[in-house]
Amino acid sequence: MNQLIVQQLENENSTCTHDDIFLIESSMKMLLATADCSMANVALCVGQHPKKSNVN
């Protein structure tokens, strides 16, 4: 499932430029539908290591 989400985000990212907040929000919305939404999964979907993502 995560691979499908990453592929969707890559498709969106290749068609137009989005900022990090939009990518994070999109990831969260898609992961919420699967009940698999966590900081670690969102970070992986946007291409960051989970411990490197700083959400305040």
PDB file of N, CA and C in Angstrom:
ATOM      1  N   MET A   1       0.831  -1.187   0.000  1.00  0.00           N
ATOM      2  CA  MET A   1       0.000   0.000   0.000  1.00  0.00           C
ATOM      3  C   MET A   1       0.879   1.255   0.000  1.00  0.00           C
ATOM      4  N   ASN A   2       1.951   1.247   0.793  1.00  0.00           N
ATOM      5  CA  ASN A   2       2.823   2.416   0.839  1.00  0.00           C
ATOM      6  C   ASN A   2       3.449   2.698  -0.513  1.00  0.00           C
ATOM      7  N   GLN A   3       3.779   1.650  -1.272  1.00  0.00           N
ATOM      8  CA  GLN A   3       4.368   1.835  -2.599  1.00  0.00           C
ATOM      9  C   GLN A   3       3.387   2.544  -3.521  1.00  0.00           C
ATOM     10  N   LEU A   4       2.100   2.204  -3.425  1.00  0.00           N
ATOM     11  CA  LEU A   4       1.077   2.853  -4.233  1.00  0.00           C
ATOM     12  C   LEU A   4       0.978   4.336  -3.889  1.00  0.00           C
ATOM     13  N   ILE A   5       1.055   4.662  -2.611  1.00  0.00           N
ATOM     14  CA  ILE A   5       0.989   6.053  -2.173  1.00  0.00           C
ATOM     15  C   ILE A   5       2.208   6.822  -2.660  1.00  0.00           C
ATOM     16  N   VAL A   6       3.384   6.226  -2.542  1.00  0.00           N
ATOM     17  CA  VAL A   6       4.609   6.879  -3.020  1.00  0.00           C
ATOM     18  C   VAL A   6       4.519   7.122  -4.512  1.00  0.00           C
ATOM     19  N   GLN A   7       4.011   6.150  -5.263  1.00  0.00           N
ATOM     20  CA  GLN A   7       3.867   6.312  -6.711  1.00  0.00           C
ATOM     21  C   GLN A   7       2.907   7.451  -7.037  1.00  0.00           C
ATOM     22  N   GLN A   8       1.799   7.556  -6.311  1.00  0.00           N
ATOM     23  CA  GLN A   8       0.847   8.646  -6.538  1.00  0.00           C
ATOM     24  C   GLN A   8       1.492   9.995  -6.255  1.00  0.00           C
ATOM     25  N   LEU A   9       2.248  10.095  -5.182  1.00  0.00           N
ATOM     26  CA  LEU A   9       2.920  11.352  -4.850  1.00  0.00           C
ATOM     27  C   LEU A   9       3.959  11.711  -5.899  1.00  0.00           C
ATOM     28  N   GLU A  10       4.677  10.720  -6.418  1.00  0.00           N
ATOM     29  CA  GLU A  10       5.663  10.997  -7.463  1.00  0.00           C
ATOM     30  C   GLU A  10       4.987  11.494  -8.722  1.00  0.00           C
ATOM     31  N   ASN A  11       3.820  10.933  -9.053  1.00  0.00           N
ATOM     32  CA  ASN A  11       3.075  11.402 -10.218  1.00  0.00           C
ATOM     33  C   ASN A  11       2.631  12.847 -10.040  1.00  0.00           C
ATOM     34  N   GLU A  12       2.126  13.186  -8.852  1.00  0.00           N
ATOM     35  CA  GLU A  12       1.716  14.559  -8.580  1.00  0.00           C
ATOM     36  C   GLU A  12       2.914  15.495  -8.634  1.00  0.00           C
ATOM     37  N   ASN A  13       4.030  15.066  -8.076  1.00  0.00           N
ATOM     38  CA  ASN A  13       5.222  15.897  -7.994  1.00  0.00           C
ATOM     39  C   ASN A  13       5.824  16.146  -9.372  1.00  0.00           C
ATOM     40  N   SER A  14       5.687  15.189 -10.300  1.00  0.00           N
ATOM     41  CA  SER A  14       6.282  15.357 -11.621  1.00  0.00           C
ATOM     42  C   SER A  14       5.445  16.266 -12.506  1.00  0.00           C
ATOM     43  N   THR A  15       4.151  16.424 -12.215  1.00  0.00           N
ATOM     44  CA  THR A  15       3.312  17.251 -13.066  1.00  0.00           C
ATOM     45  C   THR A  15       3.386  18.729 -12.699  1.00  0.00           C
ATOM     46  N   CYS A  16       3.588  19.037 -11.457  1.00  0.00           N
ATOM     47  CA  CYS A  16       3.721  20.436 -11.050  1.00  0.00           C
ATOM     48  C   CYS A  16       4.502  20.507  -9.742  1.00  0.00           C
ATOM     49  N   THR A  17       4.965  21.692  -9.410  1.00  0.00           N
ATOM     50  CA  THR A  17       5.780  21.873  -8.216  1.00  0.00           C
ATOM     51  C   THR A  17       4.883  22.081  -6.994  1.00  0.00           C
ATOM     52  N   HIS A  18       5.124  21.275  -5.950  1.00  0.00           N
ATOM     53  CA  HIS A  18       4.382  21.404  -4.692  1.00  0.00           C
ATOM     54  C   HIS A  18       5.373  21.640  -3.568  1.00  0.00           C
ATOM     55  N   ASP A  19       4.934  22.337  -2.570  1.00  0.00           N
ATOM     56  CA  ASP A  19       5.814  22.513  -1.418  1.00  0.00           C
ATOM     57  C   ASP A  19       5.686  21.332  -0.469  1.00  0.00           C
ATOM     58  N   ASP A  20       6.556  21.272   0.491  1.00  0.00           N
ATOM     59  CA  ASP A  20       6.604  20.140   1.420  1.00  0.00           C
ATOM     60  C   ASP A  20       5.305  19.971   2.205  1.00  0.00           C
ATOM     61  N   ILE A  21       4.679  21.070   2.560  1.00  0.00           N
ATOM     62  CA  ILE A  21       3.450  20.984   3.351  1.00  0.00           C
ATOM     63  C   ILE A  21       2.355  20.279   2.562  1.00  0.00           C
ATOM     64  N   PHE A  22       2.225  20.605   1.281  1.00  0.00           N
ATOM     65  CA  PHE A  22       1.222  19.951   0.454  1.00  0.00           C
ATOM     66  C   PHE A  22       1.482  18.445   0.355  1.00  0.00           C
ATOM     67  N   LEU A  23       2.734  18.056   0.176  1.00  0.00           N
ATOM     68  CA  LEU A  23       3.070  16.636   0.084  1.00  0.00           C
ATOM     69  C   LEU A  23       2.775  15.912   1.389  1.00  0.00           C
ATOM     70  N   ILE A  24       3.078  16.566   2.500  1.00  0.00           N
ATOM     71  CA  ILE A  24       2.802  15.951   3.804  1.00  0.00           C
ATOM     72  C   ILE A  24       1.299  15.801   4.013  1.00  0.00           C
ATOM     73  N   GLU A  25       0.530  16.851   3.687  1.00  0.00           N
ATOM     74  CA  GLU A  25      -0.921  16.778   3.840  1.00  0.00           C
ATOM     75  C   GLU A  25      -1.517  15.698   2.941  1.00  0.00           C
ATOM     76  N   SER A  26      -1.044  15.595   1.713  1.00  0.00           N
ATOM     77  CA  SER A  26      -1.545  14.572   0.791  1.00  0.00           C
ATOM     78  C   SER A  26      -1.239  13.178   1.324  1.00  0.00           C
ATOM     79  N   SER A  27      -0.037  12.996   1.829  1.00  0.00           N
ATOM     80  CA  SER A  27       0.341  11.703   2.389  1.00  0.00           C
ATOM     81  C   SER A  27      -0.536  11.345   3.574  1.00  0.00           C
ATOM     82  N   MET A  28      -0.764  12.317   4.438  1.00  0.00           N
ATOM     83  CA  MET A  28      -1.582  12.062   5.619  1.00  0.00           C
ATOM     84  C   MET A  28      -3.008  11.681   5.228  1.00  0.00           C
ATOM     85  N   LYS A  29      -3.578  12.385   4.259  1.00  0.00           N
ATOM     86  CA  LYS A  29      -4.946  12.069   3.839  1.00  0.00           C
ATOM     87  C   LYS A  29      -5.036  10.670   3.260  1.00  0.00           C
ATOM     88  N   MET A  30      -4.059  10.284   2.435  1.00  0.00           N
ATOM     89  CA  MET A  30      -4.082   8.948   1.853  1.00  0.00           C
ATOM     90  C   MET A  30      -3.843   7.876   2.911  1.00  0.00           C
ATOM     91  N   LEU A  31      -2.942   8.143   3.850  1.00  0.00           N
ATOM     92  CA  LEU A  31      -2.665   7.154   4.888  1.00  0.00           C
ATOM     93  C   LEU A  31      -3.793   7.060   5.906  1.00  0.00           C
ATOM     94  N   LEU A  32      -4.502   8.148   6.150  1.00  0.00           N
ATOM     95  CA  LEU A  32      -5.638   8.089   7.070  1.00  0.00           C
ATOM     96  C   LEU A  32      -6.706   7.142   6.554  1.00  0.00           C
ATOM     97  N   ALA A  33      -6.877   7.087   5.240  1.00  0.00           N
ATOM     98  CA  ALA A  33      -7.875   6.199   4.650  1.00  0.00           C
ATOM     99  C   ALA A  33      -7.515   4.729   4.863  1.00  0.00           C
ATOM    100  N   THR A  34      -6.241   4.444   5.077  1.00  0.00           N
ATOM    101  CA  THR A  34      -5.803   3.064   5.284  1.00  0.00           C
ATOM    102  C   THR A  34      -5.594   2.740   6.759  1.00  0.00           C
ATOM    103  N   ALA A  35      -5.839   3.699   7.637  1.00  0.00           N
ATOM    104  CA  ALA A  35      -5.608   3.548   9.082  1.00  0.00           C
ATOM    105  C   ALA A  35      -4.148   3.225   9.371  1.00  0.00           C
ATOM    106  N   ASP A  36      -3.261   3.706   8.512  1.00  0.00           N
ATOM    107  CA  ASP A  36      -1.830   3.441   8.645  1.00  0.00           C
ATOM    108  C   ASP A  36      -1.050   4.749   8.763  1.00  0.00           C
ATOM    109  N   CYS A  37      -1.709   5.789   9.266  1.00  0.00           N
ATOM    110  CA  CYS A  37      -1.094   7.114   9.331  1.00  0.00           C
ATOM    111  C   CYS A  37      -0.269   7.252  10.607  1.00  0.00           C
ATOM    112  N   SER A  38       1.020   7.425  10.419  1.00  0.00           N
ATOM    113  CA  SER A  38       1.927   7.684  11.532  1.00  0.00           C
ATOM    114  C   SER A  38       3.018   8.614  11.015  1.00  0.00           C
ATOM    115  N   MET A  39       3.734   9.237  11.925  1.00  0.00           N
ATOM    116  CA  MET A  39       4.820  10.123  11.495  1.00  0.00           C
ATOM    117  C   MET A  39       5.842   9.364  10.662  1.00  0.00           C
ATOM    118  N   ALA A  40       6.117   8.115  11.053  1.00  0.00           N
ATOM    119  CA  ALA A  40       7.103   7.323  10.320  1.00  0.00           C
ATOM    120  C   ALA A  40       6.638   7.037   8.897  1.00  0.00           C
ATOM    121  N   ASN A  41       5.380   6.659   8.725  1.00  0.00           N
ATOM    122  CA  ASN A  41       4.877   6.363   7.389  1.00  0.00           C
ATOM    123  C   ASN A  41       4.779   7.611   6.524  1.00  0.00           C
ATOM    124  N   VAL A  42       4.360   8.723   7.106  1.00  0.00           N
ATOM    125  CA  VAL A  42       4.302   9.977   6.343  1.00  0.00           C
ATOM    126  C   VAL A  42       5.706  10.381   5.908  1.00  0.00           C
ATOM    127  N   ALA A  43       6.658  10.281   6.804  1.00  0.00           N
ATOM    128  CA  ALA A  43       8.042  10.635   6.467  1.00  0.00           C
ATOM    129  C   ALA A  43       8.561   9.767   5.329  1.00  0.00           C
ATOM    130  N   LEU A  44       8.283   8.482   5.380  1.00  0.00           N
ATOM    131  CA  LEU A  44       8.726   7.586   4.317  1.00  0.00           C
ATOM    132  C   LEU A  44       8.064   7.931   2.988  1.00  0.00           C
ATOM    133  N   CYS A  45       6.806   8.320   3.019  1.00  0.00           N
ATOM    134  CA  CYS A  45       6.090   8.666   1.788  1.00  0.00           C
ATOM    135  C   CYS A  45       6.655   9.926   1.128  1.00  0.00           C
ATOM    136  N   VAL A  46       7.148  10.852   1.913  1.00  0.00           N
ATOM    137  CA  VAL A  46       7.687  12.088   1.330  1.00  0.00           C
ATOM    138  C   VAL A  46       9.201  12.027   1.164  1.00  0.00           C
ATOM    139  N   GLY A  47       9.767  10.844   1.402  1.00  0.00           N
ATOM    140  CA  GLY A  47      11.189  10.649   1.133  1.00  0.00           C
ATOM    141  C   GLY A  47      12.134  11.132   2.216  1.00  0.00           C
ATOM    142  N   GLN A  48      11.662  11.170   3.450  1.00  0.00           N
ATOM    143  CA  GLN A  48      12.520  11.571   4.569  1.00  0.00           C
ATOM    144  C   GLN A  48      12.656  10.404   5.526  1.00  0.00           C
ATOM    145  N   HIS A  49      13.755  10.415   6.264  1.00  0.00           N
ATOM    146  CA  HIS A  49      13.909   9.428   7.334  1.00  0.00           C
ATOM    147  C   HIS A  49      12.997   9.861   8.487  1.00  0.00           C
ATOM    148  N   PRO A  50      12.288   8.929   9.114  1.00  0.00           N
ATOM    149  CA  PRO A  50      11.353   9.311  10.185  1.00  0.00           C
ATOM    150  C   PRO A  50      11.966  10.124  11.317  1.00  0.00           C
ATOM    151  N   LYS A  51      13.218   9.885  11.651  1.00  0.00           N
ATOM    152  CA  LYS A  51      13.839  10.642  12.739  1.00  0.00           C
ATOM    153  C   LYS A  51      14.319  12.014  12.285  1.00  0.00           C
ATOM    154  N   LYS A  52      14.373  12.264  10.983  1.00  0.00           N
ATOM    155  CA  LYS A  52      14.818  13.561  10.466  1.00  0.00           C
ATOM    156  C   LYS A  52      13.666  14.531  10.274  1.00  0.00           C
ATOM    157  N   SER A  53      12.432  14.038  10.298  1.00  0.00           N
ATOM    158  CA  SER A  53      11.285  14.930  10.073  1.00  0.00           C
ATOM    159  C   SER A  53      10.973  15.679  11.366  1.00  0.00           C
ATOM    160  N   ASN A  54      10.917  16.986  11.271  1.00  0.00           N
ATOM    161  CA  ASN A  54      10.644  17.844  12.415  1.00  0.00           C
ATOM    162  C   ASN A  54       9.257  18.436  12.275  1.00  0.00           C
ATOM    163  N   VAL A  55       8.304  17.922  13.038  1.00  0.00           N
ATOM    164  CA  VAL A  55       6.954  18.432  13.022  1.00  0.00           C
ATOM    165  C   VAL A  55       6.696  19.058  14.371  1.00  0.00           C
ATOM    166  N   ASN A  56       6.408  20.339  14.394  1.00  0.00           N
ATOM    167  CA  ASN A  56       6.160  21.043  15.656  1.00  0.00           C
ATOM    168  C   ASN A  56       4.726  21.507  15.728  1.00  0.00           C
TER     169      ASN A  56
END
